[in-house]
């Protein structure tokens, strides 16, 4: 049996829906048992590779245990990671889009796999795009273009992966801060030299509008089919932030703020010119998200929400109770790490 999550390591996520009161405990780092939908599930299948992840005496095993410890102790509030009990070469992370960016309130999932010679070579990273291209560094096929994982040539060697100093934590924080930033348009090589040009800044604002719409579409995808082990997190995230997201969409539509910079009704009134196509897309997104959030509010389990969207003919049938992510063997792992280090 998997041990229960330690209370001291849990992070509260409380709903703010009127008439509802529910707390979901979701630690920033934990070890779970179901890796069946992981993108890299077929990786590292050779006997030699598997031995690197099972033999506690290998440098690869020890390095990954060290990574687990770093992640458990140092993840920022907006990043959550799951490791896998039977596949220690795999990780899954979600990054919450930061305020002040067109990605605000969105969820961005990444599947990670360690190579058998880790840390000599960096991990591989796959972005769950849902088919939407909303960043020059994140492709619809899941490719992540980043010098830290050697998928883009860095300007200096210090930007590339370094076995002695680079970590998964550094990787995730880099994606959040350098990729999912406030002006992703200028992530494209060559554009950064125009960052002070008014005409290019207008292009950047237009790009942010497109990004926000795609981020909203991604929200809908995550609500309908959340990645395994993050079901409870996804539903509570949008239960908690749903009303705020809708208010922000309306503010953008009414020209009260440019994308990423709405600070609530307390901010000074402003008048932003809103392109008609953007306004129409906002209205559609608002309606679609409103329905999705209402389903979350009126449903008790993730399975019920998914079934309402996928199979309306079976609405009357009772769904199975959704399971929270399996708790990891954290106490045993931490004890083992202490013995190693």
C-alpha atoms as a PDB file:
ATOM      1  CA  UNK A   1       0.000   0.000   0.000  1.00  0.00           C
ATOM      2  CA  UNK A   2       1.195   3.495  -0.800  1.00  0.00           C
ATOM      3  CA  UNK A   3       1.731   5.614   2.261  1.00  0.00           C
ATOM      4  CA  UNK A   4      -0.586   8.558   2.865  1.00  0.00           C
ATOM      5  CA  UNK A   5       0.659  12.046   2.046  1.00  0.00           C
ATOM      6  CA  UNK A   6       2.298  13.776   4.952  1.00  0.00           C
ATOM      7  CA  UNK A   7       0.207  16.645   6.219  1.00  0.00           C
ATOM      8  CA  UNK A   8       3.226  18.905   6.527  1.00  0.00           C
ATOM      9  CA  UNK A   9       3.939  18.517   2.805  1.00  0.00           C
ATOM     10  CA  UNK A  10       0.425  19.205   1.581  1.00  0.00           C
ATOM     11  CA  UNK A  11      -0.702  22.344  -0.149  1.00  0.00           C
ATOM     12  CA  UNK A  12      -4.307  23.513   0.334  1.00  0.00           C
ATOM     13  CA  UNK A  13      -6.376  24.386  -2.712  1.00  0.00           C
ATOM     14  CA  UNK A  14      -9.746  25.749  -1.537  1.00  0.00           C
ATOM     15  CA  UNK A  15     -12.722  26.410  -3.787  1.00  0.00           C
ATOM     16  CA  UNK A  16     -14.324  29.812  -3.703  1.00  0.00           C
ATOM     17  CA  UNK A  17     -17.586  28.846  -5.374  1.00  0.00           C
ATOM     18  CA  UNK A  18     -20.601  30.242  -3.477  1.00  0.00           C
ATOM     19  CA  UNK A  19     -22.426  27.497  -1.657  1.00  0.00           C
ATOM     20  CA  UNK A  20     -19.545  25.063  -2.016  1.00  0.00           C
ATOM     21  CA  UNK A  21     -16.887  24.184   0.499  1.00  0.00           C
ATOM     22  CA  UNK A  22     -14.208  21.735  -0.446  1.00  0.00           C
ATOM     23  CA  UNK A  23     -10.480  21.421   0.169  1.00  0.00           C
ATOM     24  CA  UNK A  24      -8.148  19.472  -2.084  1.00  0.00           C
ATOM     25  CA  UNK A  25      -4.744  18.575  -0.709  1.00  0.00           C
ATOM     26  CA  UNK A  26      -2.190  18.643  -3.509  1.00  0.00           C
ATOM     27  CA  UNK A  27       1.517  18.714  -2.654  1.00  0.00           C
ATOM     28  CA  UNK A  28       3.877  20.460  -5.016  1.00  0.00           C
ATOM     29  CA  UNK A  29       5.937  17.269  -5.367  1.00  0.00           C
ATOM     30  CA  UNK A  30       4.842  13.683  -4.916  1.00  0.00           C
ATOM     31  CA  UNK A  31       5.401  10.164  -6.243  1.00  0.00           C
ATOM     32  CA  UNK A  32       2.470   8.457  -7.978  1.00  0.00           C
ATOM     33  CA  UNK A  33       1.825   5.039  -9.473  1.00  0.00           C
ATOM     34  CA  UNK A  34       0.102   5.535 -12.860  1.00  0.00           C
ATOM     35  CA  UNK A  35       2.331   6.641 -15.738  1.00  0.00           C
ATOM     36  CA  UNK A  36       0.155   5.128 -18.468  1.00  0.00           C
ATOM     37  CA  UNK A  37      -0.517   8.374 -20.382  1.00  0.00           C
ATOM     38  CA  UNK A  38       3.035   9.719 -20.159  1.00  0.00           C
ATOM     39  CA  UNK A  39       4.481  10.730 -23.534  1.00  0.00           C
ATOM     40  CA  UNK A  40       7.810   8.987 -22.872  1.00  0.00           C
ATOM     41  CA  UNK A  41       6.395   5.759 -21.466  1.00  0.00           C
ATOM     42  CA  UNK A  42       8.150   3.712 -24.174  1.00  0.00           C
ATOM     43  CA  UNK A  43      11.561   5.262 -23.506  1.00  0.00           C
ATOM     44  CA  UNK A  44      14.490   3.557 -21.738  1.00  0.00           C
ATOM     45  CA  UNK A  45      13.225   0.035 -22.383  1.00  0.00           C
ATOM     46  CA  UNK A  46      16.572  -1.715 -22.864  1.00  0.00           C
ATOM     47  CA  UNK A  47      17.924  -3.842 -20.000  1.00  0.00           C
ATOM     48  CA  UNK A  48      20.974  -1.618 -19.711  1.00  0.00           C
ATOM     49  CA  UNK A  49      18.864   1.552 -19.452  1.00  0.00           C
ATOM     50  CA  UNK A  50      16.451   0.045 -16.957  1.00  0.00           C
ATOM     51  CA  UNK A  51      19.299  -1.066 -14.742  1.00  0.00           C
ATOM     52  CA  UNK A  52      20.487   2.557 -14.479  1.00  0.00           C
ATOM     53  CA  UNK A  53      17.143   3.510 -12.935  1.00  0.00           C
ATOM     54  CA  UNK A  54      16.809   0.494 -10.634  1.00  0.00           C
ATOM     55  CA  UNK A  55      20.292   0.009  -9.256  1.00  0.00           C
ATOM     56  CA  UNK A  56      20.797   2.404  -6.345  1.00  0.00           C
ATOM     57  CA  UNK A  57      24.552   2.231  -6.862  1.00  0.00           C
ATOM     58  CA  UNK A  58      24.496   3.852 -10.320  1.00  0.00           C
ATOM     59  CA  UNK A  59      25.292   7.540 -10.728  1.00  0.00           C
ATOM     60  CA  UNK A  60      22.080   7.983 -12.728  1.00  0.00           C
ATOM     61  CA  UNK A  61      19.948   6.652  -9.882  1.00  0.00           C
ATOM     62  CA  UNK A  62      21.684   8.833  -7.314  1.00  0.00           C
ATOM     63  CA  UNK A  63      21.422  11.913  -9.510  1.00  0.00           C
ATOM     64  CA  UNK A  64      17.687  11.471  -9.970  1.00  0.00           C
ATOM     65  CA  UNK A  65      17.193  10.957  -6.241  1.00  0.00           C
ATOM     66  CA  UNK A  66      19.025  14.230  -5.733  1.00  0.00           C
ATOM     67  CA  UNK A  67      16.708  15.914  -8.248  1.00  0.00           C
ATOM     68  CA  UNK A  68      13.672  14.604  -6.348  1.00  0.00           C
ATOM     69  CA  UNK A  69      14.981  16.102  -3.152  1.00  0.00           C
ATOM     70  CA  UNK A  70      15.626  19.472  -4.796  1.00  0.00           C
ATOM     71  CA  UNK A  71      12.147  19.528  -6.315  1.00  0.00           C
ATOM     72  CA  UNK A  72      10.463  18.523  -3.078  1.00  0.00           C
ATOM     73  CA  UNK A  73      12.115  21.327  -1.142  1.00  0.00           C
ATOM     74  CA  UNK A  74      12.360  24.174  -3.643  1.00  0.00           C
ATOM     75  CA  UNK A  75       9.469  24.258  -6.110  1.00  0.00           C
ATOM     76  CA  UNK A  76       7.837  27.702  -6.359  1.00  0.00           C
ATOM     77  CA  UNK A  77       4.132  28.128  -5.657  1.00  0.00           C
ATOM     78  CA  UNK A  78       3.170  28.003  -9.324  1.00  0.00           C
ATOM     79  CA  UNK A  79       4.896  24.729 -10.323  1.00  0.00           C
ATOM     80  CA  UNK A  80       3.802  21.182  -9.436  1.00  0.00           C
ATOM     81  CA  UNK A  81       5.656  17.957 -10.248  1.00  0.00           C
ATOM     82  CA  UNK A  82       4.840  14.260 -10.133  1.00  0.00           C
ATOM     83  CA  UNK A  83       7.425  11.480 -10.206  1.00  0.00           C
ATOM     84  CA  UNK A  84       6.538   7.823 -10.778  1.00  0.00           C
ATOM     85  CA  UNK A  85       6.995   4.969  -8.356  1.00  0.00           C
ATOM     86  CA  UNK A  86       7.849   2.339 -10.977  1.00  0.00           C
ATOM     87  CA  UNK A  87       9.420   4.673 -13.566  1.00  0.00           C
ATOM     88  CA  UNK A  88      11.861   6.965 -11.869  1.00  0.00           C
ATOM     89  CA  UNK A  89      13.107   8.108 -15.274  1.00  0.00           C
ATOM     90  CA  UNK A  90       9.831   9.999 -15.842  1.00  0.00           C
ATOM     91  CA  UNK A  91       8.408  13.237 -14.473  1.00  0.00           C
ATOM     92  CA  UNK A  92       5.327  15.314 -15.242  1.00  0.00           C
ATOM     93  CA  UNK A  93       5.141  19.008 -14.397  1.00  0.00           C
ATOM     94  CA  UNK A  94       2.493  21.692 -14.625  1.00  0.00           C
ATOM     95  CA  UNK A  95       3.280  25.399 -14.645  1.00  0.00           C
ATOM     96  CA  UNK A  96       0.614  27.972 -13.825  1.00  0.00           C
ATOM     97  CA  UNK A  97       0.820  30.959 -16.176  1.00  0.00           C
ATOM     98  CA  UNK A  98       2.149  34.016 -14.379  1.00  0.00           C
ATOM     99  CA  UNK A  99       0.247  37.287 -13.827  1.00  0.00           C
ATOM    100  CA  UNK A 100       1.278  40.040 -16.203  1.00  0.00           C
ATOM    101  CA  UNK A 101       1.608  37.630 -19.134  1.00  0.00           C
ATOM    102  CA  UNK A 102      -0.886  36.435 -21.773  1.00  0.00           C
ATOM    103  CA  UNK A 103      -0.578  33.007 -20.135  1.00  0.00           C
ATOM    104  CA  UNK A 104      -2.043  34.098 -16.796  1.00  0.00           C
ATOM    105  CA  UNK A 105      -4.232  31.513 -15.019  1.00  0.00           C
ATOM    106  CA  UNK A 106      -3.529  28.896 -17.696  1.00  0.00           C
ATOM    107  CA  UNK A 107      -2.046  25.452 -17.052  1.00  0.00           C
ATOM    108  CA  UNK A 108       0.940  24.241 -19.066  1.00  0.00           C
ATOM    109  CA  UNK A 109       1.929  20.586 -18.803  1.00  0.00           C
ATOM    110  CA  UNK A 110       5.320  19.088 -19.599  1.00  0.00           C
ATOM    111  CA  UNK A 111       6.390  15.430 -19.685  1.00  0.00           C
ATOM    112  CA  UNK A 112      10.056  14.828 -18.893  1.00  0.00           C
ATOM    113  CA  UNK A 113      12.331  11.801 -19.304  1.00  0.00           C
ATOM    114  CA  UNK A 114      15.849  11.342 -17.953  1.00  0.00           C
ATOM    115  CA  UNK A 115      18.418   9.672 -20.246  1.00  0.00           C
ATOM    116  CA  UNK A 116      20.225   6.604 -18.938  1.00  0.00           C
ATOM    117  CA  UNK A 117      23.461   8.597 -18.684  1.00  0.00           C
ATOM    118  CA  UNK A 118      21.927  11.457 -16.717  1.00  0.00           C
ATOM    119  CA  UNK A 119      23.211  14.038 -15.833  1.00  0.00           C
ATOM    120  CA  UNK A 120      25.838  13.839 -18.595  1.00  0.00           C
ATOM    121  CA  UNK A 121      23.039  14.732 -21.010  1.00  0.00           C
ATOM    122  CA  UNK A 122      19.914  16.799 -20.286  1.00  0.00           C
ATOM    123  CA  UNK A 123      16.418  15.354 -19.918  1.00  0.00           C
ATOM    124  CA  UNK A 124      14.065  15.423 -22.891  1.00  0.00           C
ATOM    125  CA  UNK A 125      10.919  17.529 -22.546  1.00  0.00           C
ATOM    126  CA  UNK A 126       7.540  17.244 -24.261  1.00  0.00           C
ATOM    127  CA  UNK A 127       4.944  20.033 -24.127  1.00  0.00           C
ATOM    128  CA  UNK A 128       1.258  19.055 -24.048  1.00  0.00           C
ATOM    129  CA  UNK A 129       0.147  21.591 -26.668  1.00  0.00           C
ATOM    130  CA  UNK A 130      -3.382  20.308 -27.333  1.00  0.00           C
ATOM    131  CA  UNK A 131      -2.637  21.280 -30.927  1.00  0.00           C
ATOM    132  CA  UNK A 132      -2.201  25.006 -30.262  1.00  0.00           C
ATOM    133  CA  UNK A 133       0.918  27.004 -31.096  1.00  0.00           C
ATOM    134  CA  UNK A 134       1.107  29.881 -28.610  1.00  0.00           C
ATOM    135  CA  UNK A 135       4.824  30.413 -28.161  1.00  0.00           C
ATOM    136  CA  UNK A 136       7.831  30.463 -30.525  1.00  0.00           C
ATOM    137  CA  UNK A 137       9.602  28.009 -28.195  1.00  0.00           C
ATOM    138  CA  UNK A 138       6.703  25.549 -27.821  1.00  0.00           C
ATOM    139  CA  UNK A 139       5.642  23.637 -30.924  1.00  0.00           C
ATOM    140  CA  UNK A 140       2.322  21.945 -31.598  1.00  0.00           C
ATOM    141  CA  UNK A 141       4.134  18.592 -31.876  1.00  0.00           C
ATOM    142  CA  UNK A 142       5.380  19.012 -28.292  1.00  0.00           C
ATOM    143  CA  UNK A 143       8.918  20.091 -29.163  1.00  0.00           C
ATOM    144  CA  UNK A 144      10.453  22.470 -26.631  1.00  0.00           C
ATOM    145  CA  UNK A 145      13.107  24.794 -28.053  1.00  0.00           C
ATOM    146  CA  UNK A 146      15.427  25.776 -25.213  1.00  0.00           C
ATOM    147  CA  UNK A 147      19.187  26.079 -24.951  1.00  0.00           C
ATOM    148  CA  UNK A 148      19.231  24.591 -21.440  1.00  0.00           C
ATOM    149  CA  UNK A 149      18.173  21.199 -22.808  1.00  0.00           C
ATOM    150  CA  UNK A 150      20.370  21.589 -25.898  1.00  0.00           C
ATOM    151  CA  UNK A 151      17.459  21.930 -28.341  1.00  0.00           C
ATOM    152  CA  UNK A 152      18.615  25.430 -29.282  1.00  0.00           C
ATOM    153  CA  UNK A 153      22.108  26.821 -29.608  1.00  0.00           C
ATOM    154  CA  UNK A 154      22.853  29.094 -26.678  1.00  0.00           C
ATOM    155  CA  UNK A 155      24.721  32.332 -27.168  1.00  0.00           C
ATOM    156  CA  UNK A 156      27.230  31.173 -24.577  1.00  0.00           C
ATOM    157  CA  UNK A 157      28.160  27.794 -23.138  1.00  0.00           C
ATOM    158  CA  UNK A 158      26.665  28.868 -19.802  1.00  0.00           C
ATOM    159  CA  UNK A 159      23.202  28.766 -21.366  1.00  0.00           C
ATOM    160  CA  UNK A 160      23.592  25.088 -22.304  1.00  0.00           C
ATOM    161  CA  UNK A 161      23.153  22.046 -20.085  1.00  0.00           C
ATOM    162  CA  UNK A 162      25.982  21.535 -17.600  1.00  0.00           C
ATOM    163  CA  UNK A 163      26.156  18.148 -15.872  1.00  0.00           C
ATOM    164  CA  UNK A 164      27.568  19.502 -12.609  1.00  0.00           C
ATOM    165  CA  UNK A 165      25.211  22.423 -12.073  1.00  0.00           C
ATOM    166  CA  UNK A 166      22.051  22.175 -14.207  1.00  0.00           C
ATOM    167  CA  UNK A 167      18.872  20.800 -12.617  1.00  0.00           C
ATOM    168  CA  UNK A 168      15.252  20.042 -13.488  1.00  0.00           C
ATOM    169  CA  UNK A 169      14.201  22.835 -11.149  1.00  0.00           C
ATOM    170  CA  UNK A 170      16.317  25.261 -13.169  1.00  0.00           C
ATOM    171  CA  UNK A 171      14.704  23.902 -16.340  1.00  0.00           C
ATOM    172  CA  UNK A 172      11.133  24.425 -15.090  1.00  0.00           C
ATOM    173  CA  UNK A 173      11.825  27.898 -13.733  1.00  0.00           C
ATOM    174  CA  UNK A 174      13.458  28.806 -17.067  1.00  0.00           C
ATOM    175  CA  UNK A 175      10.378  27.704 -18.991  1.00  0.00           C
ATOM    176  CA  UNK A 176       8.151  29.742 -16.726  1.00  0.00           C
ATOM    177  CA  UNK A 177      10.290  32.880 -16.716  1.00  0.00           C
ATOM    178  CA  UNK A 178      12.005  32.882 -20.118  1.00  0.00           C
ATOM    179  CA  UNK A 179       9.460  31.120 -22.328  1.00  0.00           C
ATOM    180  CA  UNK A 180       6.027  31.863 -20.818  1.00  0.00           C
ATOM    181  CA  UNK A 181       6.860  35.553 -20.441  1.00  0.00           C
ATOM    182  CA  UNK A 182       5.026  38.851 -20.994  1.00  0.00           C
ATOM    183  CA  UNK A 183       6.305  39.375 -24.556  1.00  0.00           C
ATOM    184  CA  UNK A 184       6.622  35.911 -26.141  1.00  0.00           C
ATOM    185  CA  UNK A 185       6.583  37.440 -29.621  1.00  0.00           C
ATOM    186  CA  UNK A 186      10.182  38.509 -29.058  1.00  0.00           C
ATOM    187  CA  UNK A 187      11.231  34.946 -28.183  1.00  0.00           C
ATOM    188  CA  UNK A 188      11.649  34.389 -31.908  1.00  0.00           C
ATOM    189  CA  UNK A 189      15.340  34.812 -32.817  1.00  0.00           C
ATOM    190  CA  UNK A 190      16.053  38.141 -34.487  1.00  0.00           C
ATOM    191  CA  UNK A 191      13.011  39.939 -33.153  1.00  0.00           C
ATOM    192  CA  UNK A 192      14.604  40.947 -29.854  1.00  0.00           C
ATOM    193  CA  UNK A 193      16.603  43.706 -31.559  1.00  0.00           C
ATOM    194  CA  UNK A 194      13.293  45.432 -32.395  1.00  0.00           C
ATOM    195  CA  UNK A 195      11.895  45.329 -28.876  1.00  0.00           C
ATOM    196  CA  UNK A 196      11.922  49.138 -28.569  1.00  0.00           C
ATOM    197  CA  UNK A 197      10.286  49.755 -31.939  1.00  0.00           C
ATOM    198  CA  UNK A 198       6.679  50.969 -31.664  1.00  0.00           C
ATOM    199  CA  UNK A 199       5.548  49.048 -34.744  1.00  0.00           C
ATOM    200  CA  UNK A 200       7.076  45.830 -33.421  1.00  0.00           C
ATOM    201  CA  UNK A 201       5.547  46.416 -29.994  1.00  0.00           C
ATOM    202  CA  UNK A 202       2.146  46.614 -31.669  1.00  0.00           C
ATOM    203  CA  UNK A 203       2.864  43.270 -33.324  1.00  0.00           C
ATOM    204  CA  UNK A 204       3.743  41.914 -29.892  1.00  0.00           C
ATOM    205  CA  UNK A 205       0.431  43.126 -28.445  1.00  0.00           C
ATOM    206  CA  UNK A 206      -1.449  41.503 -31.324  1.00  0.00           C
ATOM    207  CA  UNK A 207       0.452  38.264 -30.724  1.00  0.00           C
ATOM    208  CA  UNK A 208      -0.472  38.394 -27.011  1.00  0.00           C
ATOM    209  CA  UNK A 209      -4.136  38.638 -27.954  1.00  0.00           C
ATOM    210  CA  UNK A 210      -3.823  35.515 -30.085  1.00  0.00           C
ATOM    211  CA  UNK A 211      -1.938  33.742 -27.312  1.00  0.00           C
ATOM    212  CA  UNK A 212      -4.604  34.507 -24.736  1.00  0.00           C
ATOM    213  CA  UNK A 213      -7.368  33.065 -26.921  1.00  0.00           C
ATOM    214  CA  UNK A 214      -5.316  29.897 -27.471  1.00  0.00           C
ATOM    215  CA  UNK A 215      -4.609  29.698 -23.741  1.00  0.00           C
ATOM    216  CA  UNK A 216      -8.366  29.808 -23.103  1.00  0.00           C
ATOM    217  CA  UNK A 217      -8.894  26.999 -25.609  1.00  0.00           C
ATOM    218  CA  UNK A 218      -6.199  24.998 -23.831  1.00  0.00           C
ATOM    219  CA  UNK A 219      -8.029  25.531 -20.533  1.00  0.00           C
ATOM    220  CA  UNK A 220     -11.113  23.911 -22.049  1.00  0.00           C
ATOM    221  CA  UNK A 221      -9.061  20.925 -23.235  1.00  0.00           C
ATOM    222  CA  UNK A 222      -7.542  20.403 -19.798  1.00  0.00           C
ATOM    223  CA  UNK A 223     -10.963  20.555 -18.143  1.00  0.00           C
ATOM    224  CA  UNK A 224     -12.398  17.988 -20.546  1.00  0.00           C
ATOM    225  CA  UNK A 225      -9.450  15.564 -20.427  1.00  0.00           C
ATOM    226  CA  UNK A 226      -7.049  16.394 -17.585  1.00  0.00           C
ATOM    227  CA  UNK A 227      -3.682  14.597 -17.548  1.00  0.00           C
ATOM    228  CA  UNK A 228      -3.507  11.631 -15.184  1.00  0.00           C
ATOM    229  CA  UNK A 229      -2.589  12.345 -11.576  1.00  0.00           C
ATOM    230  CA  UNK A 230      -3.561  16.001 -12.036  1.00  0.00           C
ATOM    231  CA  UNK A 231      -7.335  15.575 -12.328  1.00  0.00           C
ATOM    232  CA  UNK A 232      -8.161  16.992  -8.903  1.00  0.00           C
ATOM    233  CA  UNK A 233      -5.653  19.791  -9.348  1.00  0.00           C
ATOM    234  CA  UNK A 234      -7.090  20.871 -12.719  1.00  0.00           C
ATOM    235  CA  UNK A 235     -10.672  20.935 -11.486  1.00  0.00           C
ATOM    236  CA  UNK A 236      -9.921  22.810  -8.287  1.00  0.00           C
ATOM    237  CA  UNK A 237      -7.675  25.271 -10.112  1.00  0.00           C
ATOM    238  CA  UNK A 238     -10.489  26.310 -12.413  1.00  0.00           C
ATOM    239  CA  UNK A 239     -13.151  26.153  -9.723  1.00  0.00           C
ATOM    240  CA  UNK A 240     -11.033  28.565  -7.740  1.00  0.00           C
ATOM    241  CA  UNK A 241     -10.054  30.893 -10.581  1.00  0.00           C
ATOM    242  CA  UNK A 242     -13.010  30.538 -12.942  1.00  0.00           C
ATOM    243  CA  UNK A 243     -14.863  33.660 -11.884  1.00  0.00           C
ATOM    244  CA  UNK A 244     -11.692  35.762 -12.040  1.00  0.00           C
ATOM    245  CA  UNK A 245     -10.886  34.451 -15.535  1.00  0.00           C
ATOM    246  CA  UNK A 246     -14.357  35.400 -16.810  1.00  0.00           C
ATOM    247  CA  UNK A 247     -14.148  38.878 -15.273  1.00  0.00           C
ATOM    248  CA  UNK A 248     -10.766  39.391 -16.926  1.00  0.00           C
ATOM    249  CA  UNK A 249     -12.089  38.272 -20.320  1.00  0.00           C
ATOM    250  CA  UNK A 250     -14.891  40.817 -20.048  1.00  0.00           C
ATOM    251  CA  UNK A 251     -12.398  43.524 -19.099  1.00  0.00           C
ATOM    252  CA  UNK A 252     -10.343  42.771 -22.215  1.00  0.00           C
ATOM    253  CA  UNK A 253     -13.483  42.799 -24.342  1.00  0.00           C
ATOM    254  CA  UNK A 254     -14.570  46.157 -22.889  1.00  0.00           C
ATOM    255  CA  UNK A 255     -11.155  47.690 -23.502  1.00  0.00           C
ATOM    256  CA  UNK A 256     -10.332  48.161 -19.825  1.00  0.00           C
ATOM    257  CA  UNK A 257      -6.857  46.665 -20.119  1.00  0.00           C
ATOM    258  CA  UNK A 258      -4.387  45.151 -22.541  1.00  0.00           C
ATOM    259  CA  UNK A 259      -3.896  41.391 -22.307  1.00  0.00           C
ATOM    260  CA  UNK A 260      -2.030  40.379 -19.163  1.00  0.00           C
ATOM    261  CA  UNK A 261      -2.450  43.693 -17.372  1.00  0.00           C
ATOM    262  CA  UNK A 262      -5.950  43.689 -15.875  1.00  0.00           C
ATOM    263  CA  UNK A 263      -5.677  44.329 -12.144  1.00  0.00           C
ATOM    264  CA  UNK A 264      -9.324  44.289 -11.142  1.00  0.00           C
ATOM    265  CA  UNK A 265     -11.885  47.042 -10.711  1.00  0.00           C
ATOM    266  CA  UNK A 266      -9.511  48.954  -8.450  1.00  0.00           C
ATOM    267  CA  UNK A 267      -7.224  49.912 -11.349  1.00  0.00           C
ATOM    268  CA  UNK A 268      -7.583  53.262 -13.078  1.00  0.00           C
ATOM    269  CA  UNK A 269     -10.040  53.221 -15.944  1.00  0.00           C
ATOM    270  CA  UNK A 270      -8.461  53.040 -19.361  1.00  0.00           C
ATOM    271  CA  UNK A 271      -9.632  52.770 -22.920  1.00  0.00           C
ATOM    272  CA  UNK A 272      -7.883  50.182 -25.069  1.00  0.00           C
ATOM    273  CA  UNK A 273      -8.835  49.772 -28.695  1.00  0.00           C
ATOM    274  CA  UNK A 274     -10.183  46.249 -29.106  1.00  0.00           C
ATOM    275  CA  UNK A 275     -10.032  44.668 -32.598  1.00  0.00           C
ATOM    276  CA  UNK A 276     -13.409  43.256 -33.654  1.00  0.00           C
ATOM    277  CA  UNK A 277     -12.079  39.737 -34.281  1.00  0.00           C
ATOM    278  CA  UNK A 278     -10.468  39.645 -30.839  1.00  0.00           C
ATOM    279  CA  UNK A 279     -13.673  40.867 -29.230  1.00  0.00           C
ATOM    280  CA  UNK A 280     -15.709  38.194 -31.018  1.00  0.00           C
ATOM    281  CA  UNK A 281     -13.247  35.484 -29.962  1.00  0.00           C
ATOM    282  CA  UNK A 282     -13.396  36.724 -26.376  1.00  0.00           C
ATOM    283  CA  UNK A 283     -17.184  36.509 -26.336  1.00  0.00           C
ATOM    284  CA  UNK A 284     -17.071  32.944 -27.619  1.00  0.00           C
ATOM    285  CA  UNK A 285     -14.381  31.956 -25.120  1.00  0.00           C
ATOM    286  CA  UNK A 286     -16.339  33.559 -22.309  1.00  0.00           C
ATOM    287  CA  UNK A 287     -19.448  31.558 -23.190  1.00  0.00           C
ATOM    288  CA  UNK A 288     -17.552  28.276 -23.588  1.00  0.00           C
ATOM    289  CA  UNK A 289     -15.580  28.716 -20.377  1.00  0.00           C
ATOM    290  CA  UNK A 290     -18.714  29.777 -18.488  1.00  0.00           C
ATOM    291  CA  UNK A 291     -20.363  26.477 -19.416  1.00  0.00           C
ATOM    292  CA  UNK A 292     -17.260  24.505 -18.487  1.00  0.00           C
ATOM    293  CA  UNK A 293     -16.921  26.253 -15.129  1.00  0.00           C
ATOM    294  CA  UNK A 294     -20.618  25.740 -14.408  1.00  0.00           C
ATOM    295  CA  UNK A 295     -20.186  22.024 -15.073  1.00  0.00           C
ATOM    296  CA  UNK A 296     -17.320  21.965 -12.589  1.00  0.00           C
ATOM    297  CA  UNK A 297     -19.429  23.750  -9.991  1.00  0.00           C
ATOM    298  CA  UNK A 298     -22.375  21.408 -10.443  1.00  0.00           C
ATOM    299  CA  UNK A 299     -20.368  18.178 -10.616  1.00  0.00           C
ATOM    300  CA  UNK A 300     -18.929  16.140  -7.784  1.00  0.00           C
ATOM    301  CA  UNK A 301     -16.320  14.230  -9.729  1.00  0.00           C
ATOM    302  CA  UNK A 302     -14.014  14.770 -12.714  1.00  0.00           C
ATOM    303  CA  UNK A 303     -15.520  11.731 -14.447  1.00  0.00           C
ATOM    304  CA  UNK A 304     -18.980  13.293 -14.393  1.00  0.00           C
ATOM    305  CA  UNK A 305     -17.689  16.454 -16.029  1.00  0.00           C
ATOM    306  CA  UNK A 306     -15.853  14.544 -18.757  1.00  0.00           C
ATOM    307  CA  UNK A 307     -18.892  12.363 -19.484  1.00  0.00           C
ATOM    308  CA  UNK A 308     -21.208  15.369 -19.836  1.00  0.00           C
ATOM    309  CA  UNK A 309     -18.962  16.673 -22.597  1.00  0.00           C
ATOM    310  CA  UNK A 310     -18.149  13.381 -24.305  1.00  0.00           C
ATOM    311  CA  UNK A 311     -21.355  11.363 -24.083  1.00  0.00           C
ATOM    312  CA  UNK A 312     -24.550  13.389 -23.422  1.00  0.00           C
ATOM    313  CA  UNK A 313     -26.681  10.258 -23.921  1.00  0.00           C
ATOM    314  CA  UNK A 314     -25.259   8.788 -20.716  1.00  0.00           C
ATOM    315  CA  UNK A 315     -25.785  11.824 -18.476  1.00  0.00           C
ATOM    316  CA  UNK A 316     -28.155   9.972 -16.174  1.00  0.00           C
ATOM    317  CA  UNK A 317     -25.703   7.213 -15.361  1.00  0.00           C
ATOM    318  CA  UNK A 318     -23.654   7.614 -12.237  1.00  0.00           C
ATOM    319  CA  UNK A 319     -19.939   8.033 -12.732  1.00  0.00           C
ATOM    320  CA  UNK A 320     -17.247   6.372 -10.715  1.00  0.00           C
ATOM    321  CA  UNK A 321     -15.800   8.440  -7.946  1.00  0.00           C
ATOM    322  CA  UNK A 322     -12.666  10.232  -9.080  1.00  0.00           C
ATOM    323  CA  UNK A 323      -9.523   9.179  -7.358  1.00  0.00           C
ATOM    324  CA  UNK A 324      -7.125  11.746  -6.073  1.00  0.00           C
ATOM    325  CA  UNK A 325      -3.553  11.241  -7.251  1.00  0.00           C
ATOM    326  CA  UNK A 326      -1.973   8.276  -5.528  1.00  0.00           C
ATOM    327  CA  UNK A 327       0.250   9.274  -2.672  1.00  0.00           C
ATOM    328  CA  UNK A 328       3.942   8.638  -3.054  1.00  0.00           C
ATOM    329  CA  UNK A 329       6.371   6.825  -0.848  1.00  0.00           C
ATOM    330  CA  UNK A 330       7.784  10.105   0.298  1.00  0.00           C
ATOM    331  CA  UNK A 331       8.914   9.154   3.788  1.00  0.00           C
ATOM    332  CA  UNK A 332      10.720   6.062   2.541  1.00  0.00           C
ATOM    333  CA  UNK A 333      12.270   8.022  -0.331  1.00  0.00           C
ATOM    334  CA  UNK A 334      13.499  10.822   1.901  1.00  0.00           C
ATOM    335  CA  UNK A 335      14.961   8.262   4.289  1.00  0.00           C
ATOM    336  CA  UNK A 336      16.704   6.560   1.404  1.00  0.00           C
ATOM    337  CA  UNK A 337      18.085   9.854   0.139  1.00  0.00           C
ATOM    338  CA  UNK A 338      19.472  10.604   3.593  1.00  0.00           C
ATOM    339  CA  UNK A 339      21.298   7.283   3.563  1.00  0.00           C
ATOM    340  CA  UNK A 340      22.810   8.079   0.181  1.00  0.00           C
ATOM    341  CA  UNK A 341      23.841  11.654   0.894  1.00  0.00           C
END
